[in-house]
Amino acid sequence: MSENKRKIFTSAEKAKVALAAVKGMKTINEIAQEHGVHPTQVSQWKKELLDNVGSLFEGKRGPKPVNAQNDPDRLYAKPVVSGSKG
């Protein structure tokens, strides 16, 4: 007898299957058969996609933190001389 090796899916392949499930154009069973995956696995990938979709847009943009070392006002300010000799 030949042994069937388990197919390892990349994250891109999982995303493709999950997106197909989210679209709803085909049933879970049709998607599973088309991609050679168990229907339960398709449902799990779909759930994982929907649970994590909000994190795709977190922290990518917005104001950058100000670095005090590179502050233009600090760079062009006159040095403060402390004390006086006389």
C-alpha atoms as a PDB file:
ATOM      1  CA  MET A   1       0.000   0.000   0.000  1.00  0.00           C
ATOM      2  CA  SER A   2       1.139   3.525  -0.675  1.00  0.00           C
ATOM      3  CA  GLU A   3       1.169   6.060   2.083  1.00  0.00           C
ATOM      4  CA  ASN A   4      -0.628   9.330   1.516  1.00  0.00           C
ATOM      5  CA  LYS A   5       1.481  12.248   2.659  1.00  0.00           C
ATOM      6  CA  ARG A   6      -0.204  15.180   4.262  1.00  0.00           C
ATOM      7  CA  LYS A   7      -0.253  18.258   2.038  1.00  0.00           C
ATOM      8  CA  ILE A   8       1.189  21.349   3.646  1.00  0.00           C
ATOM      9  CA  PHE A   9      -0.553  24.551   2.615  1.00  0.00           C
ATOM     10  CA  THR A  10       1.190  27.908   2.508  1.00  0.00           C
ATOM     11  CA  SER A  11      -0.409  30.906   4.151  1.00  0.00           C
ATOM     12  CA  ALA A  12      -1.271  32.278   0.708  1.00  0.00           C
ATOM     13  CA  GLU A  13      -3.112  29.060  -0.195  1.00  0.00           C
ATOM     14  CA  LYS A  14      -4.982  29.117   3.113  1.00  0.00           C
ATOM     15  CA  ALA A  15      -5.971  32.727   2.529  1.00  0.00           C
ATOM     16  CA  LYS A  16      -7.208  31.909  -0.968  1.00  0.00           C
ATOM     17  CA  VAL A  17      -9.391  29.083   0.355  1.00  0.00           C
ATOM     18  CA  ALA A  18     -10.678  31.210   3.252  1.00  0.00           C
ATOM     19  CA  LEU A  19     -11.526  34.111   0.930  1.00  0.00           C
ATOM     20  CA  ALA A  20     -13.442  31.781  -1.352  1.00  0.00           C
ATOM     21  CA  ALA A  21     -15.421  30.634   1.691  1.00  0.00           C
ATOM     22  CA  VAL A  22     -16.089  34.212   2.807  1.00  0.00           C
ATOM     23  CA  LYS A  23     -17.307  35.218  -0.662  1.00  0.00           C
ATOM     24  CA  GLY A  24     -20.017  32.562  -0.479  1.00  0.00           C
ATOM     25  CA  MET A  25     -20.123  31.944  -4.233  1.00  0.00           C
ATOM     26  CA  LYS A  26     -19.674  28.199  -3.622  1.00  0.00           C
ATOM     27  CA  THR A  27     -20.533  25.938  -0.732  1.00  0.00           C
ATOM     28  CA  ILE A  28     -17.909  24.924   1.807  1.00  0.00           C
ATOM     29  CA  ASN A  29     -18.040  21.392   0.413  1.00  0.00           C
ATOM     30  CA  GLU A  30     -17.413  22.590  -3.143  1.00  0.00           C
ATOM     31  CA  ILE A  31     -14.458  24.707  -2.030  1.00  0.00           C
ATOM     32  CA  ALA A  32     -13.042  21.833   0.017  1.00  0.00           C
ATOM     33  CA  GLN A  33     -13.290  19.414  -2.898  1.00  0.00           C
ATOM     34  CA  GLU A  34     -11.776  21.921  -5.312  1.00  0.00           C
ATOM     35  CA  HIS A  35      -8.734  22.524  -3.113  1.00  0.00           C
ATOM     36  CA  GLY A  36      -8.342  19.022  -1.689  1.00  0.00           C
ATOM     37  CA  VAL A  37      -9.097  20.035   1.892  1.00  0.00           C
ATOM     38  CA  HIS A  38     -11.580  18.708   4.440  1.00  0.00           C
ATOM     39  CA  PRO A  39     -14.659  20.957   4.804  1.00  0.00           C
ATOM     40  CA  THR A  40     -13.961  21.393   8.511  1.00  0.00           C
ATOM     41  CA  GLN A  41     -10.531  22.798   7.655  1.00  0.00           C
ATOM     42  CA  VAL A  42     -12.094  25.298   5.252  1.00  0.00           C
ATOM     43  CA  SER A  43     -14.428  26.446   8.012  1.00  0.00           C
ATOM     44  CA  GLN A  44     -11.524  26.828  10.458  1.00  0.00           C
ATOM     45  CA  TRP A  45      -9.507  28.902   7.988  1.00  0.00           C
ATOM     46  CA  LYS A  46     -12.563  31.058   7.264  1.00  0.00           C
ATOM     47  CA  LYS A  47     -13.117  31.657  11.000  1.00  0.00           C
ATOM     48  CA  GLU A  48      -9.438  32.492  11.510  1.00  0.00           C
ATOM     49  CA  LEU A  49      -9.527  34.964   8.617  1.00  0.00           C
ATOM     50  CA  LEU A  50     -12.613  36.713   9.959  1.00  0.00           C
ATOM     51  CA  ASP A  51     -11.218  36.824  13.503  1.00  0.00           C
ATOM     52  CA  ASN A  52      -7.924  38.396  12.414  1.00  0.00           C
ATOM     53  CA  VAL A  53      -9.018  40.670   9.581  1.00  0.00           C
ATOM     54  CA  GLY A  54      -9.120  43.730  11.865  1.00  0.00           C
ATOM     55  CA  SER A  55      -5.443  43.444  12.717  1.00  0.00           C
ATOM     56  CA  LEU A  56      -4.426  43.894   9.075  1.00  0.00           C
ATOM     57  CA  PHE A  57      -4.800  47.659   9.305  1.00  0.00           C
ATOM     58  CA  GLU A  58      -3.358  48.275  12.766  1.00  0.00           C
ATOM     59  CA  GLY A  59      -0.178  50.266  13.256  1.00  0.00           C
ATOM     60  CA  LYS A  60       0.753  50.670   9.614  1.00  0.00           C
ATOM     61  CA  ARG A  61       0.261  54.427   9.363  1.00  0.00           C
ATOM     62  CA  GLY A  62      -0.057  57.468  11.516  1.00  0.00           C
ATOM     63  CA  PRO A  63       2.286  59.964  13.037  1.00  0.00           C
ATOM     64  CA  LYS A  64       5.757  58.722  13.764  1.00  0.00           C
ATOM     65  CA  PRO A  65       7.121  59.166  17.281  1.00  0.00           C
ATOM     66  CA  VAL A  66       9.268  62.259  17.689  1.00  0.00           C
ATOM     67  CA  ASN A  67      12.917  61.528  18.334  1.00  0.00           C
ATOM     68  CA  ALA A  68      14.323  64.235  20.613  1.00  0.00           C
ATOM     69  CA  GLN A  69      17.789  63.764  19.120  1.00  0.00           C
ATOM     70  CA  ASN A  70      16.595  64.714  15.629  1.00  0.00           C
ATOM     71  CA  ASP A  71      14.356  67.636  16.653  1.00  0.00           C
ATOM     72  CA  PRO A  72      15.171  70.564  14.289  1.00  0.00           C
ATOM     73  CA  ASP A  73      14.596  73.147  17.043  1.00  0.00           C
ATOM     74  CA  ARG A  74      17.171  71.417  19.207  1.00  0.00           C
ATOM     75  CA  LEU A  75      19.675  71.120  16.379  1.00  0.00           C
ATOM     76  CA  TYR A  76      19.587  74.825  15.483  1.00  0.00           C
ATOM     77  CA  ALA A  77      19.274  76.225  18.997  1.00  0.00           C
ATOM     78  CA  LYS A  78      22.146  78.203  20.457  1.00  0.00           C
ATOM     79  CA  PRO A  79      24.003  76.373  23.173  1.00  0.00           C
ATOM     80  CA  VAL A  80      23.301  77.437  26.710  1.00  0.00           C
ATOM     81  CA  VAL A  81      26.381  78.589  28.548  1.00  0.00           C
ATOM     82  CA  SER A  82      26.153  77.965  32.266  1.00  0.00           C
ATOM     83  CA  GLY A  83      27.892  80.150  34.827  1.00  0.00           C
ATOM     84  CA  SER A  84      30.113  83.086  34.169  1.00  0.00           C
ATOM     85  CA  LYS A  85      33.795  83.506  34.772  1.00  0.00           C
ATOM     86  CA  GLY A  86      35.060  86.791  35.689  1.00  0.00           C
END
